[in-house]
Amino acid sequence: MWVVRGAGARNDRLLVRSVAQPRARRGALEAPWPKEEDVKSDLVDGRLDALRSDGGSGERVCLEDRESAHQERAGDLVKSGRPGSPEEMEKLVMNLVEDSKDEELVVLVQDWIADEDSAALSSRVYHELLMALSRLKQISSLFMEWKNLSREELLLPDSHSEVLKALLKDRRIPQCMVVVEKMIERGVPPTKEVMESLIRWCVRNADARHAYACLDLSLKQEFVMQKTTYQHAITLLLKRNEVDKAIKLALALSSTGIGLGQSLCSALLKYAARRRRFDLIWELLVEAERSDFIKLDKFSCNQTLEKVAKCLSSSETLQFKERFEAVHAKNGVFLIDEKTYEVLIEVLAKAGELEQAEEIYREVLARGIKPTRDMFQSIIKACGKYRALDNAFELHEQMVLSGINPNAATFNALMNGCRLAGDVSRILQVIDMMWSSGIAPDVVSYSSLVDAYGRIGRVEDAFATVDDMIARGVEPNIVTFTHLINAAVRAGHIDAAYKVLELMKEKDMEPNVFTYSALINGLAKRGEYDRAMDLMEQMRSRGIHPTAVTYATLLKSATRLYDEDKTRSIVRMLEDDLEGLDRKSLKLLYDLSRTAKVSFSEKTIGRIRELLNL
């Protein structure tokens, strides 16, 4: 519907007042009478229906007459046809469109304006047209009309804001973003309240992309919003795995003096660790050390440091450790806990960084933390691996003095070092220590003793040890038999090694790659090439891929025999098994092709390089 401005409208309103029933009779209205400036469209806001249902015949007749009068005036204006001049056009459009809710009339005016020279009409005309479309809830038409008019820069600054509010109310988030960007481009950015409402709508509708864009624009405009708005938006980004964007926003907020709270900052740290984004973790730590607005709790820091230790090199892990400690040094908080120290020591020990592992151990003692069994075992195991037996036994003594009783794993870690060093006497010493501690040696303990005997050529003692363990009720496993085969091969007792292999099959124990390789390598070194190849075929028929060491040994054996056919046969096998070899084996073969007097085909070398990404 429409309202025509002028004295007629005022007289209509006065006429309604003069014949109206007393206020008590107007209960159906449920609202006070409008002021003069608000009279524009009271015929279509629900009051007319209320008046028609009321018993006051004077009110009903008067308002019906008013509606009829408005229709007649507007109809006369429409019938007069399209105005001839821009001034008349503007006047007519303002009279017809301003506060109108008549769809056909608004469409007619749109057609008139489309035919008019856009520069000839004022921005106010276009503003009222957009407002009419908004009142009619024609949001798609509103946006398209705004888009066309804004392109020609024909709108008032208020027009953009009103269109943005209409789009936001209708939850047209992508269109809202277009309007916001245009407003910023025009130098009339939206208000902080509008942007905050837009962000909240994005969060409520799980629209992480637009929420981030709105926050980014708000930061550029230096809007300061409620903390909960930032927290909800960043939480949404984390749920959508947009960790980099979430941390970027957190850092930007911190630089402007806005904190997000310890729990959310810690969540950022944990999500970054889960995605292995160690670069983002580092940025968070740097900002946390610099600023008081990034706060991290002890638990998340320890979890993250453990993840770093398991994924990065030992040197990088120590750099992160120093950074974490610097963050918490500001508050005088002791950061690293017992569990994290265990992980750090284990990682450093496995990497062969014995000095660093022992330094961390001394740090544990200096901070008054009681070392755990796992800490001792990690260092003892590393000491044994790198032949530092004296250090390993010294740590064992410290472990006992600390009141920690060694278990079977601790004793086996000691024996493993003795095994690698071929120190049988110390292995026997450890076994005595196990018995005195009330711990019976297990299959790992006996297997270490078998291998130690084999390394020093005491093959009879190795076999006797197996007999002894069986007599004590400890059943040998595949590792025990493999060590026994190795002992027999080293001593040149190939037939005895074959008997052990047959014994394994009788016990339904499937030989593995190390079992076969031990016997094949022994045969190849003795020049028994044919027997070695038979075992190789048997091994491959069971779906077991030979190691690079086995191939290299066979190739060397073939070259020593000056047998090109045998060499080509091995190379063909190698080409078939390349896909099953690990990177370490491939690297060994590649180095062998460059340094040893073994001829690989160009195809084989090329494939090895391809698998190694060289």
Foldseek 3Di string as FASTA:
>chain_A
DWDFDDPVLVVLVVQLVVLDDPPVQLVLQVDDDDDPVPSTDPCPPPNLVSQVPGPRPSNNVSVVVVVVVRCVVLVVLVVVDQDDALVVLQVNLCRQQQVDQDPVSLVVNVVSCVPDDLVSYAQVSLLSSLVNCLSNLVLVVSLVSCVVCVVVPRHDLVSLVVNLVSCVVVPVLVSNVVSQVSCVVVVNHDDLVSLLSSLVSCLVVLPLVSNLVSLVVCVVVVRDDDLVSLQSNLVSCLVVLVLVSSLVSQLSCQVVPAANDAVSLLVSLQSCLVVVVVVSNVVLLVSLLVGVRRHYDQVSLLVSLLSCLVPDALVVSVVSVVSVCSSCVVVPDDRHDQVSLLSNLLSCLVVLVLVVSVVSVVVCVVVVHQHDLSSLQSNLLSCLVVLVLVVNVVSVVVCVVSVHDDAQSSLLSSLSSCLVVLNLVVLVVSCVVCVVSVHHHALSSLLSNLLSCLVVLNLVVSVVSQVVCVVVVHHHALSSLLSSLLSCLSNVNLVVSVVSVVVCVVVVHDHAQSSLLSSLLSCLVVLVLVVSVVSVVVCVVVVHAHALVSLVSSQVSCVVVVNVVSLVVSLVSCVVCVVVYDLVRLVVVLVCCVPPPGDHDPVSNVVSCVVNVD
